[in-house]
Structure formats: C-alpha cells, structure tokens
N, C-alpha and C. Protein backbone atom coordinates (compact mmCIF):
# COMPACT_ATOMS: atom_id res chain seq x y z
N MET A 1 -73.96 21.80 -20.51
CA MET A 1 -73.46 21.98 -21.71
C MET A 1 -73.87 20.79 -22.70
N LYS A 2 -73.20 19.41 -21.99
CA LYS A 2 -73.28 18.41 -22.69
C LYS A 2 -74.88 18.21 -23.10
N GLN A 3 -75.82 18.17 -21.91
CA GLN A 3 -77.02 17.80 -22.04
C GLN A 3 -78.02 18.53 -23.17
N SER A 4 -77.29 20.20 -23.53
CA SER A 4 -78.18 20.66 -24.58
C SER A 4 -77.63 20.30 -25.71
N GLN A 5 -76.45 19.43 -26.29
CA GLN A 5 -76.32 19.07 -27.49
C GLN A 5 -76.63 17.81 -27.80
N THR A 6 -76.73 17.10 -26.85
CA THR A 6 -77.51 15.70 -27.46
C THR A 6 -78.78 15.64 -27.76
N PRO A 7 -79.65 16.46 -27.20
CA PRO A 7 -81.14 16.47 -28.16
C PRO A 7 -80.93 16.95 -29.63
N SER A 8 -80.00 17.92 -29.71
CA SER A 8 -80.25 18.49 -30.96
C SER A 8 -79.53 17.66 -32.00
N LEU A 9 -78.37 16.45 -31.68
CA LEU A 9 -77.83 15.96 -32.28
C LEU A 9 -78.81 14.85 -32.68
N GLY A 10 -79.34 14.40 -31.84
CA GLY A 10 -80.72 13.33 -32.46
C GLY A 10 -81.63 13.69 -33.24
N LEU A 11 -81.98 15.24 -33.33
CA LEU A 11 -82.99 15.69 -34.13
C LEU A 11 -82.30 15.84 -35.60
N TYR A 12 -80.78 16.14 -35.64
CA TYR A 12 -79.94 16.48 -36.53
C TYR A 12 -80.04 14.93 -37.25
N THR A 13 -79.90 13.96 -36.76
CA THR A 13 -79.58 12.43 -37.19
C THR A 13 -81.01 12.07 -37.55
N ILE A 14 -82.11 12.13 -37.28
CA ILE A 14 -83.45 11.74 -37.48
C ILE A 14 -83.57 12.61 -39.03
N GLY A 15 -83.34 13.81 -38.76
CA GLY A 15 -83.48 15.16 -40.02
C GLY A 15 -83.08 14.70 -41.31
N ILE A 16 -81.44 14.02 -41.22
CA ILE A 16 -80.71 13.54 -42.12
C ILE A 16 -81.41 12.14 -42.70
N ALA A 17 -81.88 11.00 -41.62
CA ALA A 17 -82.40 10.03 -42.19
C ALA A 17 -83.51 10.35 -42.95
N ALA A 18 -84.53 11.13 -42.40
CA ALA A 18 -85.83 11.59 -42.95
C ALA A 18 -85.35 11.95 -44.62
N LEU A 19 -84.32 12.57 -44.70
CA LEU A 19 -84.05 12.97 -46.00
C LEU A 19 -83.61 12.35 -46.94
N PHE A 20 -82.70 11.29 -46.28
CA PHE A 20 -82.25 10.31 -47.20
C PHE A 20 -83.74 9.17 -47.70
N LEU A 21 -84.39 9.14 -46.58
CA LEU A 21 -85.80 8.31 -47.09
C LEU A 21 -86.64 8.84 -47.78
N ALA A 22 -86.52 10.27 -47.68
CA ALA A 22 -87.62 10.92 -48.56
C ALA A 22 -87.10 11.18 -50.35
N GLY A 23 -85.61 11.27 -50.23
CA GLY A 23 -85.18 11.12 -51.64
C GLY A 23 -84.95 9.59 -52.26
N PHE A 24 -84.85 8.75 -51.52
CA PHE A 24 -85.18 7.45 -51.86
C PHE A 24 -86.56 7.12 -52.44
N PHE A 25 -87.44 7.65 -51.29
CA PHE A 25 -88.86 7.24 -52.17
C PHE A 25 -89.10 7.70 -53.39
N LEU A 26 -88.75 9.37 -53.36
CA LEU A 26 -88.87 9.99 -54.71
C LEU A 26 -88.07 9.24 -55.85
N LEU A 27 -86.85 8.78 -55.68
CA LEU A 27 -86.23 7.97 -56.82
C LEU A 27 -86.96 6.48 -56.97
N VAL A 28 -87.63 6.07 -56.18
CA VAL A 28 -88.51 4.93 -56.43
C VAL A 28 -89.71 5.39 -57.27
N VAL A 29 -90.53 6.53 -57.23
CA VAL A 29 -91.78 7.01 -57.91
C VAL A 29 -91.24 7.32 -59.14
N PHE A 30 -90.22 8.23 -59.27
CA PHE A 30 -89.84 8.46 -60.50
C PHE A 30 -89.14 7.56 -61.35
N GLY A 31 -88.50 6.68 -61.02
CA GLY A 31 -87.93 5.41 -61.62
C GLY A 31 -89.26 4.68 -61.99
N ALA A 32 -90.18 4.32 -61.22
CA ALA A 32 -91.41 3.51 -61.65
C ALA A 32 -92.44 4.03 -62.76
N GLY A 33 -92.27 5.50 -62.89
CA GLY A 33 -92.82 5.94 -63.64
C GLY A 33 -92.28 6.47 -64.93
N SER A 34 -90.77 6.38 -64.97
CA SER A 34 -89.74 6.25 -66.09
C SER A 34 -89.87 5.19 -66.89
N TYR A 35 -89.91 3.68 -65.93
CA TYR A 35 -90.05 2.47 -66.56
C TYR A 35 -91.46 2.14 -67.28
N ARG A 36 -92.88 2.62 -66.35
CA ARG A 36 -93.86 2.31 -66.87
C ARG A 36 -94.13 3.15 -68.50
N ASN A 37 -93.44 4.28 -68.55
CA ASN A 37 -93.34 4.98 -70.04
C ASN A 37 -92.71 4.40 -71.06
N THR A 38 -91.80 3.69 -70.45
CA THR A 38 -90.56 3.02 -71.57
C THR A 38 -91.49 1.60 -71.88
N VAL A 39 -92.09 0.98 -70.93
CA VAL A 39 -92.55 -0.28 -71.16
C VAL A 39 -93.72 -0.07 -72.28
N THR A 40 -94.62 1.43 -71.83
CA THR A 40 -95.93 1.58 -72.84
C THR A 40 -95.19 1.98 -74.43
N GLY A 41 -94.14 2.53 -74.23
CA GLY A 41 -94.01 2.96 -75.84
C GLY A 41 -93.28 1.49 -76.67
N GLN A 42 -92.63 0.66 -75.88
CA GLN A 42 -91.99 -0.62 -76.30
C GLN A 42 -93.45 -1.46 -76.76
N GLU A 43 -94.14 -1.65 -76.06
CA GLU A 43 -95.80 -2.19 -76.41
C GLU A 43 -96.17 -1.44 -77.69
N GLU A 44 -96.12 -0.21 -78.05
CA GLU A 44 -96.68 0.40 -78.98
C GLU A 44 -95.82 0.31 -80.15
N ASN A 45 -94.42 0.16 -80.03
CA ASN A 45 -94.13 -0.20 -81.35
C ASN A 45 -93.74 -1.46 -81.81
N MET A 46 -93.71 -2.61 -80.69
CA MET A 46 -94.22 -4.14 -81.01
C MET A 46 -95.42 -4.03 -81.79
N ARG A 47 -96.87 -3.74 -81.28
CA ARG A 47 -97.67 -3.82 -81.86
C ARG A 47 -98.23 -3.21 -83.50
N ASP A 48 -97.21 -2.22 -83.58
CA ASP A 48 -97.29 -1.52 -84.71
C ASP A 48 -96.35 -2.27 -85.90
N ARG A 49 -95.57 -2.98 -85.34
CA ARG A 49 -94.65 -3.81 -86.27
C ARG A 49 -95.44 -5.21 -86.44
N ALA A 50 -96.54 -5.84 -85.26
CA ALA A 50 -96.76 -6.82 -85.60
C ALA A 50 -97.53 -7.00 -86.68
N LEU A 51 -98.58 -6.13 -87.22
CA LEU A 51 -98.76 -6.23 -88.60
C LEU A 51 -98.09 -6.35 -89.40
N LEU A 52 -97.02 -5.45 -89.80
CA LEU A 52 -96.21 -6.03 -90.97
C LEU A 52 -95.39 -7.22 -90.71
N GLY A 53 -94.92 -7.65 -89.67
CA GLY A 53 -94.31 -8.74 -89.46
C GLY A 53 -95.05 -10.03 -89.65
N TYR A 54 -96.22 -9.76 -89.38
CA TYR A 54 -97.18 -11.26 -89.96
C TYR A 54 -97.01 -11.12 -91.61
N LEU A 55 -97.41 -9.92 -92.01
CA LEU A 55 -97.49 -9.88 -93.67
C LEU A 55 -96.10 -10.69 -94.39
N SER A 56 -95.25 -9.74 -93.67
CA SER A 56 -93.80 -10.52 -93.95
C SER A 56 -93.65 -12.26 -93.95
N THR A 57 -94.06 -12.42 -92.87
CA THR A 57 -94.09 -14.05 -92.72
C THR A 57 -94.91 -14.81 -93.51
N ALA A 58 -95.90 -14.21 -93.61
CA ALA A 58 -96.64 -14.67 -94.61
C ALA A 58 -96.75 -15.13 -96.08
N VAL A 59 -96.28 -13.99 -96.43
CA VAL A 59 -95.53 -13.76 -97.83
C VAL A 59 -94.58 -14.94 -98.11
N LYS A 60 -93.27 -14.66 -97.21
CA LYS A 60 -92.36 -15.67 -97.36
C LYS A 60 -93.04 -16.89 -97.03
N ALA A 61 -93.42 -17.53 -96.09
CA ALA A 61 -94.08 -18.83 -96.27
C ALA A 61 -94.79 -19.48 -97.49
N TYR A 62 -95.18 -18.49 -98.31
CA TYR A 62 -96.36 -19.19 -99.35
C TYR A 62 -95.34 -18.74 -100.46
N ASP A 63 -94.19 -18.03 -100.64
CA ASP A 63 -93.17 -18.07 -101.71
C ASP A 63 -92.79 -18.95 -102.42
N THR A 64 -93.65 -19.34 -103.63
CA THR A 64 -93.28 -20.47 -104.43
C THR A 64 -93.50 -19.91 -105.82
N ALA A 65 -93.36 -20.59 -106.58
CA ALA A 65 -94.09 -20.32 -108.43
C ALA A 65 -95.19 -20.24 -108.49
N GLY A 66 -95.70 -18.98 -108.86
CA GLY A 66 -96.91 -18.58 -108.93
C GLY A 66 -97.89 -18.57 -107.85
N ALA A 67 -97.47 -18.64 -106.71
CA ALA A 67 -98.34 -18.67 -105.61
C ALA A 67 -98.48 -17.48 -105.15
N VAL A 68 -98.00 -16.26 -105.33
CA VAL A 68 -98.12 -14.93 -104.53
C VAL A 68 -98.96 -14.12 -105.97
N ILE A 69 -99.93 -13.63 -105.57
CA ILE A 69 -101.11 -12.88 -106.70
C ILE A 69 -101.27 -11.74 -105.96
N VAL A 70 -101.32 -10.41 -106.88
CA VAL A 70 -101.94 -9.36 -106.70
C VAL A 70 -103.14 -9.35 -107.34
N GLU A 71 -104.35 -9.00 -106.77
CA GLU A 71 -105.74 -8.90 -107.09
C GLU A 71 -106.21 -7.59 -107.03
N ASP A 72 -107.35 -7.48 -108.13
CA ASP A 72 -108.19 -5.96 -107.90
C ASP A 72 -109.46 -6.87 -107.66
N THR A 73 -110.06 -6.67 -106.26
CA THR A 73 -111.40 -7.27 -105.96
C THR A 73 -112.55 -6.49 -105.62
N ALA A 74 -113.80 -6.54 -105.28
CA ALA A 74 -114.85 -5.56 -104.62
C ALA A 74 -114.06 -5.18 -103.56
N ALA A 75 -113.19 -5.83 -102.72
CA ALA A 75 -112.67 -4.92 -101.56
C ALA A 75 -111.82 -3.96 -101.58
N GLY A 76 -111.25 -4.07 -102.94
CA GLY A 76 -110.13 -3.61 -103.38
C GLY A 76 -108.52 -4.32 -103.54
N ARG A 77 -107.56 -3.76 -103.81
CA ARG A 77 -106.41 -4.44 -104.00
C ARG A 77 -106.03 -5.52 -102.88
N THR A 78 -106.24 -6.95 -103.23
CA THR A 78 -106.18 -8.25 -102.44
C THR A 78 -105.03 -8.54 -102.82
N LEU A 79 -103.88 -9.49 -101.76
CA LEU A 79 -103.13 -10.21 -101.71
C LEU A 79 -103.22 -11.51 -101.46
N VAL A 80 -103.26 -12.44 -102.90
CA VAL A 80 -103.66 -13.60 -102.67
C VAL A 80 -102.22 -14.66 -102.71
N LEU A 81 -102.31 -15.51 -101.61
CA LEU A 81 -101.14 -16.81 -101.71
C LEU A 81 -101.92 -17.98 -101.74
N LEU A 82 -101.69 -18.55 -102.67
CA LEU A 82 -102.27 -19.86 -102.77
C LEU A 82 -101.50 -20.90 -102.27
N ASP A 83 -102.08 -21.75 -101.73
CA ASP A 83 -101.64 -22.83 -100.83
C ASP A 83 -101.56 -24.54 -101.58
N GLY A 84 -100.43 -24.15 -102.39
CA GLY A 84 -99.75 -25.25 -103.05
C GLY A 84 -100.87 -25.96 -104.32
N ASP A 85 -101.22 -26.91 -103.77
CA ASP A 85 -102.09 -27.66 -104.89
C ASP A 85 -103.48 -27.97 -104.63
N SER A 86 -103.88 -27.55 -103.46
CA SER A 86 -104.87 -27.82 -102.38
C SER A 86 -105.94 -26.95 -103.08
N GLY A 87 -105.84 -25.92 -104.25
CA GLY A 87 -106.81 -25.49 -104.56
C GLY A 87 -107.38 -24.25 -103.18
N TYR A 88 -106.89 -24.02 -102.16
CA TYR A 88 -107.37 -22.83 -101.13
C TYR A 88 -106.07 -21.82 -101.56
N ALA A 89 -106.51 -20.76 -100.99
CA ALA A 89 -105.96 -19.72 -100.95
C ALA A 89 -105.96 -18.62 -99.67
N LEU A 90 -104.78 -18.03 -98.97
CA LEU A 90 -104.81 -16.85 -97.92
C LEU A 90 -105.00 -15.69 -98.89
N ARG A 91 -106.46 -15.39 -98.68
CA ARG A 91 -106.52 -13.89 -99.00
C ARG A 91 -106.23 -12.62 -98.15
N VAL A 92 -105.47 -11.55 -98.40
CA VAL A 92 -105.47 -10.22 -97.15
C VAL A 92 -105.89 -9.58 -97.89
N TYR A 93 -107.09 -8.62 -96.89
CA TYR A 93 -107.72 -7.25 -97.98
C TYR A 93 -108.21 -6.53 -96.62
N LEU A 94 -108.19 -5.08 -97.04
CA LEU A 94 -108.62 -4.45 -96.20
C LEU A 94 -110.66 -4.50 -95.96
N HIS A 95 -111.21 -4.44 -94.83
CA HIS A 95 -112.38 -4.61 -94.99
C HIS A 95 -112.96 -3.52 -93.41
N ALA A 96 -113.50 -2.62 -93.46
CA ALA A 96 -114.04 -1.81 -92.71
C ALA A 96 -113.14 -1.27 -91.69
N GLY A 97 -112.17 -1.26 -91.77
CA GLY A 97 -110.98 -0.54 -91.07
C GLY A 97 -109.98 -1.57 -90.39
N LYS A 98 -110.30 -2.72 -91.01
CA LYS A 98 -109.25 -3.75 -90.55
C LYS A 98 -108.98 -4.93 -91.53
N LEU A 99 -107.60 -5.06 -91.39
CA LEU A 99 -107.03 -5.97 -92.31
C LEU A 99 -107.71 -7.33 -91.94
N ILE A 100 -107.64 -8.27 -92.80
CA ILE A 100 -108.41 -9.29 -92.98
C ILE A 100 -107.80 -10.39 -93.73
N GLU A 101 -107.81 -11.43 -92.86
CA GLU A 101 -107.29 -12.62 -93.92
C GLU A 101 -108.41 -13.66 -93.96
N ASP A 102 -108.42 -14.08 -95.07
CA ASP A 102 -109.78 -15.12 -95.66
C ASP A 102 -108.80 -16.42 -96.35
N TYR A 103 -109.10 -17.55 -95.68
CA TYR A 103 -108.65 -18.70 -96.11
C TYR A 103 -109.78 -19.43 -96.63
N ALA A 104 -110.05 -19.77 -97.89
CA ALA A 104 -110.97 -20.50 -98.56
C ALA A 104 -110.32 -20.72 -99.80
N PRO A 105 -111.48 -21.72 -100.48
CA PRO A 105 -110.77 -21.86 -101.88
C PRO A 105 -110.19 -20.72 -103.08
N ALA A 106 -109.66 -20.81 -103.71
CA ALA A 106 -109.04 -19.78 -104.33
C ALA A 106 -110.07 -19.12 -105.33
N SER A 107 -111.32 -19.90 -105.73
CA SER A 107 -112.17 -19.43 -107.06
C SER A 107 -113.41 -19.11 -106.21
N SER A 108 -113.42 -18.81 -104.65
CA SER A 108 -114.84 -18.12 -104.10
C SER A 108 -114.74 -16.67 -104.10
N GLU A 109 -115.72 -16.44 -103.54
CA GLU A 109 -116.03 -15.04 -103.17
C GLU A 109 -115.11 -14.75 -101.86
N LEU A 110 -115.03 -13.72 -101.76
CA LEU A 110 -114.49 -13.10 -100.24
C LEU A 110 -115.38 -13.17 -99.43
N ASN A 111 -115.20 -13.46 -98.35
CA ASN A 111 -116.19 -13.44 -97.20
C ASN A 111 -115.62 -13.01 -95.96
N PRO A 112 -115.79 -11.56 -95.90
CA PRO A 112 -115.10 -10.76 -94.72
C PRO A 112 -116.00 -11.28 -93.19
N ASP A 113 -116.90 -11.68 -93.43
CA ASP A 113 -117.82 -11.84 -92.02
C ASP A 113 -117.23 -13.24 -91.45
N GLY A 114 -116.70 -14.14 -91.99
CA GLY A 114 -116.00 -15.35 -91.93
C GLY A 114 -114.61 -15.17 -91.69
N ALA A 115 -113.94 -14.16 -92.02
CA ALA A 115 -112.63 -14.35 -91.97
C ALA A 115 -112.01 -13.78 -90.88
N GLN A 116 -110.59 -13.85 -90.59
CA GLN A 116 -110.12 -13.85 -89.38
C GLN A 116 -109.20 -12.31 -89.32
N VAL A 117 -109.48 -11.41 -88.41
CA VAL A 117 -108.76 -10.01 -88.35
C VAL A 117 -107.75 -10.13 -87.72
N ILE A 118 -106.73 -9.72 -88.86
CA ILE A 118 -105.32 -9.71 -88.40
C ILE A 118 -105.20 -8.43 -87.45
N GLY A 119 -105.61 -7.43 -87.94
CA GLY A 119 -105.36 -6.14 -87.10
C GLY A 119 -105.99 -4.88 -87.78
N ALA A 120 -106.15 -3.78 -86.97
CA ALA A 120 -106.83 -2.43 -87.24
C ALA A 120 -105.66 -1.62 -88.13
N THR A 121 -106.36 -1.30 -89.48
CA THR A 121 -105.60 -0.38 -90.13
C THR A 121 -106.31 0.08 -91.12
N GLU A 122 -106.31 1.63 -91.25
CA GLU A 122 -106.93 2.22 -92.45
C GLU A 122 -106.66 2.28 -93.57
N SER A 123 -105.44 2.00 -93.89
CA SER A 123 -105.09 1.77 -95.45
C SER A 123 -104.24 0.23 -95.64
N PHE A 124 -104.23 0.00 -96.77
CA PHE A 124 -103.60 -1.19 -96.87
C PHE A 124 -103.34 -1.07 -98.52
N SER A 125 -102.16 -1.23 -98.91
CA SER A 125 -101.68 -1.60 -100.24
C SER A 125 -100.48 -2.48 -100.27
N VAL A 126 -100.94 -2.99 -101.88
CA VAL A 126 -99.85 -3.88 -102.04
C VAL A 126 -99.42 -3.67 -103.47
N GLU A 127 -98.30 -3.92 -104.06
CA GLU A 127 -97.82 -3.27 -105.44
C GLU A 127 -96.36 -4.46 -105.34
N GLU A 128 -96.43 -4.52 -106.89
CA GLU A 128 -94.92 -5.07 -107.21
C GLU A 128 -94.37 -3.97 -107.65
N ARG A 129 -93.28 -3.55 -107.01
CA ARG A 129 -92.50 -2.48 -107.66
C ARG A 129 -91.53 -2.81 -108.76
N ALA A 130 -90.89 -4.05 -108.65
CA ALA A 130 -90.05 -4.57 -109.53
C ALA A 130 -90.22 -6.24 -109.81
N PRO A 131 -89.93 -6.81 -110.70
CA PRO A 131 -89.70 -8.40 -110.82
C PRO A 131 -89.65 -9.05 -109.48
N GLY A 132 -90.28 -9.57 -108.90
CA GLY A 132 -90.10 -10.43 -107.66
C GLY A 132 -89.84 -9.39 -106.13
N LEU A 133 -90.28 -8.24 -106.45
CA LEU A 133 -89.89 -6.78 -105.30
C LEU A 133 -91.37 -6.54 -104.79
N LEU A 134 -91.98 -6.92 -103.97
CA LEU A 134 -93.55 -6.75 -103.48
C LEU A 134 -93.30 -5.61 -102.22
N SER A 135 -94.18 -4.47 -102.11
CA SER A 135 -94.09 -3.65 -101.49
C SER A 135 -95.45 -3.87 -100.55
N LEU A 136 -95.59 -3.80 -99.43
CA LEU A 136 -96.60 -3.79 -98.40
C LEU A 136 -96.96 -2.48 -97.80
N ARG A 137 -97.81 -2.02 -97.66
CA ARG A 137 -98.09 -0.88 -96.79
C ARG A 137 -99.10 -0.62 -95.88
N THR A 138 -99.27 -0.52 -94.92
CA THR A 138 -100.20 -0.04 -93.95
C THR A 138 -99.99 0.98 -92.99
N ASP A 139 -100.99 1.23 -92.01
CA ASP A 139 -100.94 2.63 -91.19
C ASP A 139 -99.32 2.36 -90.79
N GLU A 140 -99.40 1.73 -90.34
CA GLU A 140 -97.73 1.45 -89.59
C GLU A 140 -96.48 1.55 -90.19
N GLY A 141 -96.46 1.84 -91.51
CA GLY A 141 -95.01 1.98 -92.61
C GLY A 141 -95.46 0.75 -93.65
N GLN A 142 -94.31 0.69 -94.12
CA GLN A 142 -94.02 -0.12 -95.41
C GLN A 142 -93.27 -1.29 -95.35
N VAL A 143 -93.02 -2.45 -95.95
CA VAL A 143 -92.30 -3.28 -95.59
C VAL A 143 -92.05 -3.61 -97.24
N LEU A 144 -90.74 -3.90 -97.61
CA LEU A 144 -90.29 -4.22 -98.95
C LEU A 144 -89.72 -5.71 -98.81
N LEU A 145 -90.41 -6.83 -100.40
CA LEU A 145 -90.14 -7.97 -99.50
C LEU A 145 -89.54 -8.25 -101.46
N HIS A 146 -88.29 -9.43 -100.91
CA HIS A 146 -87.59 -9.54 -102.20
C HIS A 146 -88.17 -11.13 -102.18
N LEU A 147 -88.91 -11.46 -103.24
CA LEU A 147 -89.44 -12.73 -103.03
C LEU A 147 -88.61 -13.67 -104.33
N ARG A 148 -88.67 -14.95 -104.02
CA ARG A 148 -88.00 -15.77 -104.78
C ARG A 148 -88.44 -16.13 -106.15
N SER A 149 -89.86 -16.29 -105.98
CA SER A 149 -90.43 -16.36 -107.36
C SER A 149 -91.18 -14.87 -107.81
N GLU A 150 -91.81 -14.74 -108.81
CA GLU A 150 -92.28 -13.41 -109.27
C GLU A 150 -93.89 -13.22 -108.71
N VAL A 151 -94.21 -12.21 -108.69
CA VAL A 151 -95.82 -11.82 -108.31
C VAL A 151 -96.29 -12.16 -109.57
N ARG A 152 -97.27 -12.96 -109.50
CA ARG A 152 -98.55 -13.02 -110.65
C ARG A 152 -99.65 -11.87 -110.31
N ASP A 153 -99.97 -11.30 -111.69
CA ASP A 153 -101.23 -10.53 -111.43
C ASP A 153 -102.12 -11.22 -112.19
N ALA A 154 -103.44 -11.32 -111.41
CA ALA A 154 -104.55 -12.05 -111.87
C ALA A 154 -105.34 -11.26 -112.79
C-alpha cells in the first residue's frame, strides 16, 4: 500500500508547485501590464503640462516693468516678452497647429519658418484678466499668472 501512495504524493507536489508557478507568472504579467499603463498615463500628463509649464516659466523670467506685452498680429493674439534693453523679444504665437517661439528684434516681422516649435496645440489664447493677472490657455488647459508688473497692450 505504501507504494501506491508515493507516486500520487509526488504528482500532488508537482501539481501544487505548477499551480504556484502559474500564479506567479500571471502576477508578473498583470503587474507589468499595470505598470506600463501607469507609466503611459504619467508620460501623457507630463507632456500635457509641459507646454503650460514652459509658458509659465518664460513669462515669469521676463516679468519686469513693461516687458510683458499682448499684441494682435497677423498670426493672431501674440505674447511678446521684451528682453531688457537689447531690443530683442521672445514672441509666442500659434502657427499651423503648433505653438511657436520667435526670438528676434522686437520691431521685426514674425518669422514662423525660422522660429522654434514649443509644442503642438490647436488653440492658444492670452489675455489680461485683471491688472497684473495674465491668463494663458492651450488645448492642455489654462494657467493664471500673477505678475509683479502689469501687462502692456501694444
């Protein structure tokens, strides 16, 4: 009788080990898929916030008296950030579904072909909500900036 129980006990042990191995394998597969989905979502959120974060940082860097200007140009509403006494300006505007920054002499015409692409967006609006409160809006959302200086209309 002891001989008949030994082979079934070995099969039972192998079955339990196989069950644990299959469970571990499924845990790894589902965990990796969950991690991949989490990282993808995080990358999309960061990409969405990057455009507004860049605009916010640029405006804060140029925030001095009379340096932040909102202009109506041929490209539409344009954010102009004057670069001190150099006569140059960083001009941000929408062109062909892309937000463009054009660093050139402040009095020159906009040159989207020679400008740097900041990011893709279908909409860009800039407006002064109150004295010193600037609203920037893209497809990704809106950012409100309280400036130390007031926005100058051109």
